[in-house]
Amino acid sequence: MNKVLIATEKPFAPAAVEQIKQVLDKAGYQLNLLEKYTDVDEFKKAVGDVQALIVRSDKVTREIIEVAQNLKIVVRAGAGYDNLDLEACSEKGIVAMNTPGQNSNAVAELAFGMMIYHVRNHFNGTSGNELRGKKLGIHAFGNVGKYVAAIAKGFGMIVYTYDPFVQKPEIEKHGVKAVDSAEELYKTCQFISLNIPANEKTKNSIGYQLMSSMPKGAVLVNTARKEVINEDELLKVFEERPDFSYLSDVAPDCKEHIESKYEGRYVFTAKKMGAQTAEANINAGIAAATQIVNYLEKGDKTFQVNK
């Protein structure tokens, strides 16, 4: 019997676990559950004899991979997969997957939740601003970007995007204006929704040149990863541009400095909240379980992210 481990320091909702179990029960698989663990040794012990692993933001390191003697597949329930050691997985012939699109609407809605909270002055009773008629730039037009665009159009915003991997006709059929470079996007739009993945090319890629070029009243909204921001240069922009604000799902490492000097110009969630909805929990969990069954039974590698 194939054994599947859910290892989640930040657990799935009970309803999600129940529906994951239903998928696995139907396939005749055994579900093992490790939740709210506090020591990596607990993770290492639990993963030792399973064939499949589902995680959320939990780090699947080389250390974990080396003790997972029977592991054939690991699925990150979510879009980003920088918490998986892809090289170690590949060396041991383990297929690594993500579940793209399952959390996308939740992330997009959070971006607008932060924007509204910010432009209405954190609901402090004073007069704020509206989003209608403002220019929004979407940096990366993937699953999240498409939801951001749809919501923005509902707000009456003027929407632009830059994504070198998506053809202009595909972008324009969503009623979005495609631009030719990130530089053009940032110079054009007062609001930027940052949706790029964190990888070797993108880490620290959002720096002074882009941020400082934004129009007056600039608001950078990051629901991606904190690592894509060059924080030294972020602080330089904060210092030079009293009209610049930064809203982020996961506070930067320089959080205390920003909080001490720039009141009213930031919004940081307490922990990464993008996928923290009941619907996203269930969608990503079911997708992860289904992908495991499809791979182990049929060899389906549709969402593989390693080689």
C-alpha atoms as a PDB file:
ATOM      1  CA  MET A   1       0.000   0.000   0.000  1.00  0.00           C
ATOM      2  CA  ASN A   2       1.288   3.455  -0.917  1.00  0.00           C
ATOM      3  CA  LYS A   3       1.673   5.792   2.038  1.00  0.00           C
ATOM      4  CA  VAL A   4       1.184   9.551   1.688  1.00  0.00           C
ATOM      5  CA  LEU A   5       2.451  11.971   4.337  1.00  0.00           C
ATOM      6  CA  ILE A   6       1.002  15.436   4.832  1.00  0.00           C
ATOM      7  CA  ALA A   7       3.701  17.367   6.693  1.00  0.00           C
ATOM      8  CA  THR A   8       2.467  20.844   7.576  1.00  0.00           C
ATOM      9  CA  GLU A   9       3.863  23.108  10.242  1.00  0.00           C
ATOM     10  CA  LYS A  10       0.970  25.410   9.263  1.00  0.00           C
ATOM     11  CA  PRO A  11      -1.841  22.840   8.868  1.00  0.00           C
ATOM     12  CA  PHE A  12      -4.480  22.544   6.196  1.00  0.00           C
ATOM     13  CA  ALA A  13      -8.033  23.287   7.304  1.00  0.00           C
ATOM     14  CA  PRO A  14      -9.760  20.144   8.658  1.00  0.00           C
ATOM     15  CA  ALA A  15     -12.164  20.180   5.698  1.00  0.00           C
ATOM     16  CA  ALA A  16      -9.198  20.108   3.321  1.00  0.00           C
ATOM     17  CA  VAL A  17      -7.595  17.171   5.135  1.00  0.00           C
ATOM     18  CA  GLU A  18     -10.879  15.284   4.986  1.00  0.00           C
ATOM     19  CA  GLN A  19     -11.202  15.782   1.240  1.00  0.00           C
ATOM     20  CA  ILE A  20      -7.563  14.841   0.660  1.00  0.00           C
ATOM     21  CA  LYS A  21      -8.245  11.660   2.610  1.00  0.00           C
ATOM     22  CA  GLN A  22     -11.245  10.882   0.432  1.00  0.00           C
ATOM     23  CA  VAL A  23      -9.097  11.091  -2.723  1.00  0.00           C
ATOM     24  CA  LEU A  24      -6.441   8.835  -1.199  1.00  0.00           C
ATOM     25  CA  ASP A  25      -8.938   6.357   0.287  1.00  0.00           C
ATOM     26  CA  LYS A  26     -10.486   5.909  -3.140  1.00  0.00           C
ATOM     27  CA  ALA A  27      -7.054   5.005  -4.514  1.00  0.00           C
ATOM     28  CA  GLY A  28      -6.405   2.595  -1.642  1.00  0.00           C
ATOM     29  CA  TYR A  29      -3.609   4.724  -0.180  1.00  0.00           C
ATOM     30  CA  GLN A  30      -2.778   5.281   3.497  1.00  0.00           C
ATOM     31  CA  LEU A  31      -2.695   8.863   4.784  1.00  0.00           C
ATOM     32  CA  ASN A  32      -0.214   9.838   7.507  1.00  0.00           C
ATOM     33  CA  LEU A  33      -0.539  13.264   9.118  1.00  0.00           C
ATOM     34  CA  LEU A  34       2.176  15.398  10.728  1.00  0.00           C
ATOM     35  CA  GLU A  35       0.846  18.806  11.799  1.00  0.00           C
ATOM     36  CA  LYS A  36       2.287  21.690  13.824  1.00  0.00           C
ATOM     37  CA  TYR A  37       5.623  19.931  14.241  1.00  0.00           C
ATOM     38  CA  THR A  38       8.304  21.941  16.012  1.00  0.00           C
ATOM     39  CA  ASP A  39      11.452  19.979  15.216  1.00  0.00           C
ATOM     40  CA  VAL A  40      12.860  18.813  11.887  1.00  0.00           C
ATOM     41  CA  ASP A  41      13.570  15.442  13.491  1.00  0.00           C
ATOM     42  CA  GLU A  42       9.816  14.838  13.684  1.00  0.00           C
ATOM     43  CA  PHE A  43       9.609  15.487   9.935  1.00  0.00           C
ATOM     44  CA  LYS A  44      12.574  13.184   9.227  1.00  0.00           C
ATOM     45  CA  LYS A  45      11.052  10.366  11.249  1.00  0.00           C
ATOM     46  CA  ALA A  46       7.633  10.691   9.609  1.00  0.00           C
ATOM     47  CA  VAL A  47       8.915  10.779   6.016  1.00  0.00           C
ATOM     48  CA  GLY A  48      11.137   7.712   6.340  1.00  0.00           C
ATOM     49  CA  ASP A  49       8.847   5.082   4.807  1.00  0.00           C
ATOM     50  CA  VAL A  50       6.311   6.994   2.693  1.00  0.00           C
ATOM     51  CA  GLN A  51       6.003   6.963  -1.081  1.00  0.00           C
ATOM     52  CA  ALA A  52       4.516  10.456  -1.406  1.00  0.00           C
ATOM     53  CA  LEU A  53       4.695  13.754   0.462  1.00  0.00           C
ATOM     54  CA  ILE A  54       2.437  16.819   0.519  1.00  0.00           C
ATOM     55  CA  VAL A  55       3.724  20.065   2.044  1.00  0.00           C
ATOM     56  CA  ARG A  56       2.725  23.715   2.103  1.00  0.00           C
ATOM     57  CA  SER A  57       5.547  26.163   2.948  1.00  0.00           C
ATOM     58  CA  ASP A  58       7.514  23.452   4.752  1.00  0.00           C
ATOM     59  CA  LYS A  59      11.131  23.121   3.636  1.00  0.00           C
ATOM     60  CA  VAL A  60      11.909  19.835   1.907  1.00  0.00           C
ATOM     61  CA  THR A  61      15.690  19.998   2.203  1.00  0.00           C
ATOM     62  CA  ARG A  62      18.416  17.620   1.106  1.00  0.00           C
ATOM     63  CA  GLU A  63      18.463  16.410   4.711  1.00  0.00           C
ATOM     64  CA  ILE A  64      14.800  15.407   4.447  1.00  0.00           C
ATOM     65  CA  ILE A  65      15.259  13.840   1.015  1.00  0.00           C
ATOM     66  CA  GLU A  66      18.159  11.688   2.179  1.00  0.00           C
ATOM     67  CA  VAL A  67      16.128   9.967   4.903  1.00  0.00           C
ATOM     68  CA  ALA A  68      13.041   9.481   2.700  1.00  0.00           C
ATOM     69  CA  GLN A  69      14.104   6.069   1.441  1.00  0.00           C
ATOM     70  CA  ASN A  70      10.850   5.185  -0.366  1.00  0.00           C
ATOM     71  CA  LEU A  71       9.820   8.643  -1.557  1.00  0.00           C
ATOM     72  CA  LYS A  72       8.762   8.852  -5.205  1.00  0.00           C
ATOM     73  CA  ILE A  73       6.919  12.180  -5.352  1.00  0.00           C
ATOM     74  CA  VAL A  74       6.641  15.400  -3.335  1.00  0.00           C
ATOM     75  CA  VAL A  75       3.948  17.978  -4.050  1.00  0.00           C
ATOM     76  CA  ARG A  76       3.995  21.545  -2.821  1.00  0.00           C
ATOM     77  CA  ALA A  77       0.341  22.507  -2.335  1.00  0.00           C
ATOM     78  CA  GLY A  78       0.622  25.949  -3.867  1.00  0.00           C
ATOM     79  CA  ALA A  79       2.272  27.731  -6.770  1.00  0.00           C
ATOM     80  CA  GLY A  80       5.715  28.666  -5.434  1.00  0.00           C
ATOM     81  CA  TYR A  81       8.130  25.786  -4.885  1.00  0.00           C
ATOM     82  CA  ASP A  82      11.333  27.456  -3.696  1.00  0.00           C
ATOM     83  CA  ASN A  83      10.937  25.489  -0.442  1.00  0.00           C
ATOM     84  CA  LEU A  84      11.739  22.247  -2.319  1.00  0.00           C
ATOM     85  CA  ASP A  85      15.342  21.210  -2.945  1.00  0.00           C
ATOM     86  CA  LEU A  86      14.839  20.324  -6.599  1.00  0.00           C
ATOM     87  CA  GLU A  87      18.434  19.243  -7.135  1.00  0.00           C
ATOM     88  CA  ALA A  88      18.279  16.739  -4.283  1.00  0.00           C
ATOM     89  CA  CYS A  89      14.933  15.427  -5.567  1.00  0.00           C
ATOM     90  CA  SER A  90      16.320  14.942  -9.063  1.00  0.00           C
ATOM     91  CA  GLU A  91      19.432  13.163  -7.807  1.00  0.00           C
ATOM     92  CA  LYS A  92      17.232  10.568  -6.082  1.00  0.00           C
ATOM     93  CA  GLY A  93      14.743  10.273  -8.937  1.00  0.00           C
ATOM     94  CA  ILE A  94      11.964  11.914  -6.961  1.00  0.00           C
ATOM     95  CA  VAL A  95       9.364  13.864  -8.925  1.00  0.00           C
ATOM     96  CA  ALA A  96       8.642  17.319  -7.484  1.00  0.00           C
ATOM     97  CA  MET A  97       5.396  19.118  -8.347  1.00  0.00           C
ATOM     98  CA  ASN A  98       3.418  22.207  -7.447  1.00  0.00           C
ATOM     99  CA  THR A  99      -0.313  22.905  -7.815  1.00  0.00           C
ATOM    100  CA  PRO A 100      -0.456  26.045  -9.983  1.00  0.00           C
ATOM    101  CA  GLY A 101      -3.637  28.084 -10.005  1.00  0.00           C
ATOM    102  CA  GLN A 102      -5.276  26.597  -6.929  1.00  0.00           C
ATOM    103  CA  ASN A 103      -4.422  29.527  -4.617  1.00  0.00           C
ATOM    104  CA  SER A 104      -4.482  32.227  -7.278  1.00  0.00           C
ATOM    105  CA  ASN A 105      -7.799  33.895  -6.502  1.00  0.00           C
ATOM    106  CA  ALA A 106      -7.021  33.993  -2.782  1.00  0.00           C
ATOM    107  CA  VAL A 107      -3.690  35.724  -3.465  1.00  0.00           C
ATOM    108  CA  ALA A 108      -5.287  38.224  -5.853  1.00  0.00           C
ATOM    109  CA  GLU A 109      -8.033  39.116  -3.372  1.00  0.00           C
ATOM    110  CA  LEU A 110      -5.427  39.677  -0.659  1.00  0.00           C
ATOM    111  CA  ALA A 111      -3.582  42.126  -2.920  1.00  0.00           C
ATOM    112  CA  PHE A 112      -6.731  44.209  -3.188  1.00  0.00           C
ATOM    113  CA  GLY A 113      -7.493  43.855   0.498  1.00  0.00           C
ATOM    114  CA  MET A 114      -4.117  45.401   1.276  1.00  0.00           C
ATOM    115  CA  MET A 115      -4.546  48.113  -1.373  1.00  0.00           C
ATOM    116  CA  ILE A 116      -7.957  49.193  -0.115  1.00  0.00           C
ATOM    117  CA  TYR A 117      -6.803  49.157   3.502  1.00  0.00           C
ATOM    118  CA  HIS A 118      -3.850  51.320   2.536  1.00  0.00           C
ATOM    119  CA  VAL A 119      -5.529  53.891   0.271  1.00  0.00           C
ATOM    120  CA  ARG A 120      -8.269  54.379   2.882  1.00  0.00           C
ATOM    121  CA  ASN A 121      -5.584  55.275   5.437  1.00  0.00           C
ATOM    122  CA  HIS A 122      -5.850  52.013   7.361  1.00  0.00           C
ATOM    123  CA  PHE A 123      -9.459  52.878   8.192  1.00  0.00           C
ATOM    124  CA  ASN A 124      -8.325  55.495  10.709  1.00  0.00           C
ATOM    125  CA  GLY A 125     -11.305  57.797  10.112  1.00  0.00           C
ATOM    126  CA  THR A 126      -9.552  60.228   7.771  1.00  0.00           C
ATOM    127  CA  SER A 127     -10.256  60.848   4.096  1.00  0.00           C
ATOM    128  CA  GLY A 128      -8.425  58.477   1.745  1.00  0.00           C
ATOM    129  CA  ASN A 129      -8.377  57.720  -1.979  1.00  0.00           C
ATOM    130  CA  GLU A 130     -10.109  55.441  -4.465  1.00  0.00           C
ATOM    131  CA  LEU A 131      -8.708  52.842  -6.858  1.00  0.00           C
ATOM    132  CA  ARG A 132     -11.034  53.686  -9.760  1.00  0.00           C
ATOM    133  CA  GLY A 133      -9.214  55.355 -12.636  1.00  0.00           C
ATOM    134  CA  LYS A 134      -5.748  54.569 -11.263  1.00  0.00           C
ATOM    135  CA  LYS A 135      -3.158  52.705 -13.318  1.00  0.00           C
ATOM    136  CA  LEU A 136      -2.255  49.221 -12.083  1.00  0.00           C
ATOM    137  CA  GLY A 137       0.756  47.355 -13.430  1.00  0.00           C
ATOM    138  CA  ILE A 138       0.830  43.573 -13.062  1.00  0.00           C
ATOM    139  CA  HIS A 139       4.400  42.243 -13.023  1.00  0.00           C
ATOM    140  CA  ALA A 140       3.957  38.671 -14.366  1.00  0.00           C
ATOM    141  CA  PHE A 141       0.719  37.604 -16.009  1.00  0.00           C
ATOM    142  CA  GLY A 142       0.353  34.054 -14.726  1.00  0.00           C
ATOM    143  CA  ASN A 143      -2.556  32.563 -12.802  1.00  0.00           C
ATOM    144  CA  VAL A 144      -2.466  35.201 -10.045  1.00  0.00           C
ATOM    145  CA  GLY A 145      -1.917  38.014 -12.523  1.00  0.00           C
ATOM    146  CA  LYS A 146      -5.036  37.079 -14.484  1.00  0.00           C
ATOM    147  CA  TYR A 147      -7.179  37.168 -11.330  1.00  0.00           C
ATOM    148  CA  VAL A 148      -5.629  40.502 -10.323  1.00  0.00           C
ATOM    149  CA  ALA A 149      -6.514  41.893 -13.749  1.00  0.00           C
ATOM    150  CA  ALA A 150     -10.126  40.711 -13.514  1.00  0.00           C
ATOM    151  CA  ILE A 151     -10.602  42.248 -10.080  1.00  0.00           C
ATOM    152  CA  ALA A 152      -8.873  45.487 -11.090  1.00  0.00           C
ATOM    153  CA  LYS A 153     -11.190  45.911 -14.060  1.00  0.00           C
ATOM    154  CA  GLY A 154     -14.121  45.544 -11.691  1.00  0.00           C
ATOM    155  CA  PHE A 155     -12.700  48.418  -9.675  1.00  0.00           C
ATOM    156  CA  GLY A 156     -12.426  50.511 -12.832  1.00  0.00           C
ATOM    157  CA  MET A 157      -8.626  50.580 -12.835  1.00  0.00           C
ATOM    158  CA  ILE A 158      -6.560  50.930 -16.009  1.00  0.00           C
ATOM    159  CA  VAL A 159      -4.560  47.706 -16.210  1.00  0.00           C
ATOM    160  CA  TYR A 160      -1.117  47.088 -17.718  1.00  0.00           C
ATOM    161  CA  THR A 161       1.173  44.078 -17.529  1.00  0.00           C
ATOM    162  CA  TYR A 162       4.671  42.930 -18.374  1.00  0.00           C
ATOM    163  CA  ASP A 163       5.464  39.266 -18.839  1.00  0.00           C
ATOM    164  CA  PRO A 164       8.115  38.189 -21.378  1.00  0.00           C
ATOM    165  CA  PHE A 165       6.762  34.634 -21.330  1.00  0.00           C
ATOM    166  CA  VAL A 166       3.194  35.499 -22.398  1.00  0.00           C
ATOM    167  CA  GLN A 167       2.358  36.614 -25.926  1.00  0.00           C
ATOM    168  CA  LYS A 168       0.680  40.010 -26.343  1.00  0.00           C
ATOM    169  CA  PRO A 169      -2.484  38.593 -27.982  1.00  0.00           C
ATOM    170  CA  GLU A 170      -2.997  36.331 -24.952  1.00  0.00           C
ATOM    171  CA  ILE A 171      -2.633  39.327 -22.616  1.00  0.00           C
ATOM    172  CA  GLU A 172      -4.813  41.647 -24.665  1.00  0.00           C
ATOM    173  CA  LYS A 173      -7.740  39.218 -24.831  1.00  0.00           C
ATOM    174  CA  HIS A 174      -8.106  39.837 -21.084  1.00  0.00           C
ATOM    175  CA  GLY A 175      -8.548  43.554 -21.742  1.00  0.00           C
ATOM    176  CA  VAL A 176      -5.069  44.346 -20.418  1.00  0.00           C
ATOM    177  CA  LYS A 177      -2.436  46.560 -22.037  1.00  0.00           C
ATOM    178  CA  ALA A 178       0.880  44.760 -22.611  1.00  0.00           C
ATOM    179  CA  VAL A 179       4.121  46.738 -22.287  1.00  0.00           C
ATOM    180  CA  ASP A 180       7.566  45.804 -23.548  1.00  0.00           C
ATOM    181  CA  SER A 181       9.646  45.983 -20.387  1.00  0.00           C
ATOM    182  CA  ALA A 182       9.509  46.048 -16.607  1.00  0.00           C
ATOM    183  CA  GLU A 183      10.981  49.551 -16.777  1.00  0.00           C
ATOM    184  CA  GLU A 184       8.036  50.767 -18.854  1.00  0.00           C
ATOM    185  CA  LEU A 185       5.552  49.109 -16.494  1.00  0.00           C
ATOM    186  CA  TYR A 186       6.974  50.752 -13.376  1.00  0.00           C
ATOM    187  CA  LYS A 187       7.280  54.191 -15.019  1.00  0.00           C
ATOM    188  CA  THR A 188       3.657  54.029 -16.165  1.00  0.00           C
ATOM    189  CA  CYS A 189       1.768  52.702 -13.145  1.00  0.00           C
ATOM    190  CA  GLN A 190       1.123  54.217  -9.724  1.00  0.00           C
ATOM    191  CA  PHE A 191       0.220  50.759  -8.395  1.00  0.00           C
ATOM    192  CA  ILE A 192       2.292  47.649  -9.104  1.00  0.00           C
ATOM    193  CA  SER A 193       1.162  44.114  -8.231  1.00  0.00           C
ATOM    194  CA  LEU A 194       4.277  41.975  -8.005  1.00  0.00           C
ATOM    195  CA  ASN A 195       3.608  38.330  -8.876  1.00  0.00           C
ATOM    196  CA  ILE A 196       6.961  36.958 -10.059  1.00  0.00           C
ATOM    197  CA  PRO A 197       8.390  33.701  -8.650  1.00  0.00           C
ATOM    198  CA  ALA A 198      11.509  33.648  -6.479  1.00  0.00           C
ATOM    199  CA  ASN A 199      14.418  32.064  -8.333  1.00  0.00           C
ATOM    200  CA  GLU A 200      18.057  32.797  -9.073  1.00  0.00           C
ATOM    201  CA  LYS A 201      17.124  35.314 -11.767  1.00  0.00           C
ATOM    202  CA  THR A 202      14.458  37.170  -9.808  1.00  0.00           C
ATOM    203  CA  LYS A 203      15.889  37.353  -6.287  1.00  0.00           C
ATOM    204  CA  ASN A 204      16.826  40.977  -5.469  1.00  0.00           C
ATOM    205  CA  SER A 205      15.683  41.969  -8.971  1.00  0.00           C
ATOM    206  CA  ILE A 206      13.214  44.624  -7.814  1.00  0.00           C
ATOM    207  CA  GLY A 207      15.519  47.445  -6.849  1.00  0.00           C
ATOM    208  CA  TYR A 208      16.078  51.175  -6.808  1.00  0.00           C
ATOM    209  CA  GLN A 209      15.849  51.746 -10.559  1.00  0.00           C
ATOM    210  CA  LEU A 210      12.376  50.223 -10.868  1.00  0.00           C
ATOM    211  CA  MET A 211      10.897  51.431  -7.585  1.00  0.00           C
ATOM    212  CA  SER A 212      12.162  55.009  -7.853  1.00  0.00           C
ATOM    213  CA  SER A 213      10.804  55.355 -11.396  1.00  0.00           C
ATOM    214  CA  MET A 214       7.177  54.855 -10.307  1.00  0.00           C
ATOM    215  CA  PRO A 215       4.803  57.849 -10.559  1.00  0.00           C
ATOM    216  CA  LYS A 216       3.852  60.083  -7.640  1.00  0.00           C
ATOM    217  CA  GLY A 217       1.942  58.219  -4.914  1.00  0.00           C
ATOM    218  CA  ALA A 218       3.648  54.934  -5.797  1.00  0.00           C
ATOM    219  CA  VAL A 219       2.319  51.771  -4.139  1.00  0.00           C
ATOM    220  CA  LEU A 220       4.240  48.503  -4.603  1.00  0.00           C
ATOM    221  CA  VAL A 221       2.199  45.425  -3.636  1.00  0.00           C
ATOM    222  CA  ASN A 222       4.170  42.220  -3.133  1.00  0.00           C
ATOM    223  CA  THR A 223       2.188  38.977  -2.811  1.00  0.00           C
ATOM    224  CA  ALA A 224       5.089  36.973  -4.252  1.00  0.00           C
ATOM    225  CA  ARG A 225       8.189  36.440  -2.101  1.00  0.00           C
ATOM    226  CA  LYS A 226      10.145  38.910   0.007  1.00  0.00           C
ATOM    227  CA  GLU A 227      13.384  37.670  -1.579  1.00  0.00           C
ATOM    228  CA  VAL A 228      12.599  39.312  -4.932  1.00  0.00           C
ATOM    229  CA  ILE A 229      13.000  42.759  -3.313  1.00  0.00           C
ATOM    230  CA  ASN A 230      16.439  44.341  -2.881  1.00  0.00           C
ATOM    231  CA  GLU A 231      15.835  45.568   0.656  1.00  0.00           C
ATOM    232  CA  ASP A 232      18.810  47.942   0.848  1.00  0.00           C
ATOM    233  CA  GLU A 233      17.509  49.704  -2.220  1.00  0.00           C
ATOM    234  CA  LEU A 234      13.939  49.548  -0.892  1.00  0.00           C
ATOM    235  CA  LEU A 235      15.085  51.548   2.135  1.00  0.00           C
ATOM    236  CA  LYS A 236      16.802  54.058  -0.141  1.00  0.00           C
ATOM    237  CA  VAL A 237      13.526  54.626  -2.003  1.00  0.00           C
ATOM    238  CA  PHE A 238      11.631  54.998   1.279  1.00  0.00           C
ATOM    239  CA  GLU A 239      14.144  57.655   2.361  1.00  0.00           C
ATOM    240  CA  GLU A 240      14.064  59.590  -0.916  1.00  0.00           C
ATOM    241  CA  ARG A 241      10.367  59.262  -1.789  1.00  0.00           C
ATOM    242  CA  PRO A 242       7.941  60.330   0.977  1.00  0.00           C
ATOM    243  CA  ASP A 243       5.115  59.395  -1.421  1.00  0.00           C
ATOM    244  CA  PHE A 244       6.265  55.755  -1.817  1.00  0.00           C
ATOM    245  CA  SER A 245       4.522  52.892   0.008  1.00  0.00           C
ATOM    246  CA  TYR A 246       5.208  49.154   0.224  1.00  0.00           C
ATOM    247  CA  LEU A 247       2.545  46.517   0.957  1.00  0.00           C
ATOM    248  CA  SER A 248       3.783  42.975   1.417  1.00  0.00           C
ATOM    249  CA  ASP A 249       2.426  39.530   2.217  1.00  0.00           C
ATOM    250  CA  VAL A 250       5.342  38.546   4.470  1.00  0.00           C
ATOM    251  CA  ALA A 251       7.224  41.379   6.080  1.00  0.00           C
ATOM    252  CA  PRO A 252      10.712  42.225   4.809  1.00  0.00           C
ATOM    253  CA  ASP A 253      13.779  41.614   6.934  1.00  0.00           C
ATOM    254  CA  CYS A 254      14.028  45.391   7.360  1.00  0.00           C
ATOM    255  CA  LYS A 255      10.504  45.532   8.832  1.00  0.00           C
ATOM    256  CA  GLU A 256      11.507  47.155  12.138  1.00  0.00           C
ATOM    257  CA  HIS A 257      13.386  49.948  10.373  1.00  0.00           C
ATOM    258  CA  ILE A 258      10.412  50.734   8.138  1.00  0.00           C
ATOM    259  CA  GLU A 259       7.941  50.585  11.022  1.00  0.00           C
ATOM    260  CA  SER A 260      10.058  52.922  13.127  1.00  0.00           C
ATOM    261  CA  LYS A 261      10.450  55.610  10.440  1.00  0.00           C
ATOM    262  CA  TYR A 262       7.639  55.428   7.896  1.00  0.00           C
ATOM    263  CA  GLU A 263       4.281  55.237   9.653  1.00  0.00           C
ATOM    264  CA  GLY A 264       1.325  54.914   7.302  1.00  0.00           C
ATOM    265  CA  ARG A 265       3.452  53.919   4.309  1.00  0.00           C
ATOM    266  CA  TYR A 266       3.431  50.147   4.702  1.00  0.00           C
ATOM    267  CA  VAL A 267       1.176  47.153   5.265  1.00  0.00           C
ATOM    268  CA  PHE A 268       2.706  43.814   6.300  1.00  0.00           C
ATOM    269  CA  THR A 269       0.759  40.652   7.067  1.00  0.00           C
ATOM    270  CA  ALA A 270       1.567  38.787  10.274  1.00  0.00           C
ATOM    271  CA  LYS A 271       2.561  35.713   8.248  1.00  0.00           C
ATOM    272  CA  LYS A 272       2.174  34.754   4.611  1.00  0.00           C
ATOM    273  CA  MET A 273      -1.576  34.992   4.116  1.00  0.00           C
ATOM    274  CA  GLY A 274      -2.013  34.697   0.345  1.00  0.00           C
ATOM    275  CA  ALA A 275      -3.261  31.113   0.393  1.00  0.00           C
ATOM    276  CA  GLN A 276      -4.948  31.344   3.789  1.00  0.00           C
ATOM    277  CA  THR A 277      -8.559  30.809   2.756  1.00  0.00           C
ATOM    278  CA  ALA A 278     -10.739  27.759   3.225  1.00  0.00           C
ATOM    279  CA  GLU A 279     -11.298  27.540  -0.512  1.00  0.00           C
ATOM    280  CA  ALA A 280      -7.603  27.726  -1.401  1.00  0.00           C
ATOM    281  CA  ASN A 281      -6.768  25.168   1.291  1.00  0.00           C
ATOM    282  CA  ILE A 282      -9.234  22.693  -0.147  1.00  0.00           C
ATOM    283  CA  ASN A 283      -8.393  23.359  -3.798  1.00  0.00           C
ATOM    284  CA  ALA A 284      -4.629  22.998  -3.339  1.00  0.00           C
ATOM    285  CA  GLY A 285      -4.938  19.963  -1.079  1.00  0.00           C
ATOM    286  CA  ILE A 286      -7.239  18.061  -3.430  1.00  0.00           C
ATOM    287  CA  ALA A 287      -5.029  18.961  -6.394  1.00  0.00           C
ATOM    288  CA  ALA A 288      -1.929  17.673  -4.572  1.00  0.00           C
ATOM    289  CA  ALA A 289      -3.588  14.371  -3.663  1.00  0.00           C
ATOM    290  CA  THR A 290      -4.974  13.915  -7.177  1.00  0.00           C
ATOM    291  CA  GLN A 291      -1.580  14.592  -8.767  1.00  0.00           C
ATOM    292  CA  ILE A 292       0.033  11.998  -6.497  1.00  0.00           C
ATOM    293  CA  VAL A 293      -2.505   9.356  -7.476  1.00  0.00           C
ATOM    294  CA  ASN A 294      -2.204  10.207 -11.163  1.00  0.00           C
ATOM    295  CA  TYR A 295       1.567   9.966 -11.036  1.00  0.00           C
ATOM    296  CA  LEU A 296       1.804   6.736  -9.046  1.00  0.00           C
ATOM    297  CA  GLU A 297      -0.964   5.038 -11.046  1.00  0.00           C
ATOM    298  CA  LYS A 298      -0.451   6.484 -14.546  1.00  0.00           C
ATOM    299  CA  GLY A 299       2.979   8.135 -14.563  1.00  0.00           C
ATOM    300  CA  ASP A 300       1.375  11.560 -15.144  1.00  0.00           C
ATOM    301  CA  LYS A 301       4.062  14.255 -14.705  1.00  0.00           C
ATOM    302  CA  THR A 302       2.020  17.237 -15.918  1.00  0.00           C
ATOM    303  CA  PHE A 303       2.985  19.541 -13.047  1.00  0.00           C
ATOM    304  CA  GLN A 304       6.578  18.380 -12.528  1.00  0.00           C
ATOM    305  CA  VAL A 305       8.951  21.252 -11.688  1.00  0.00           C
ATOM    306  CA  ASN A 306      12.269  19.374 -11.564  1.00  0.00           C
ATOM    307  CA  LYS A 307      14.110  17.409 -14.244  1.00  0.00           C
END
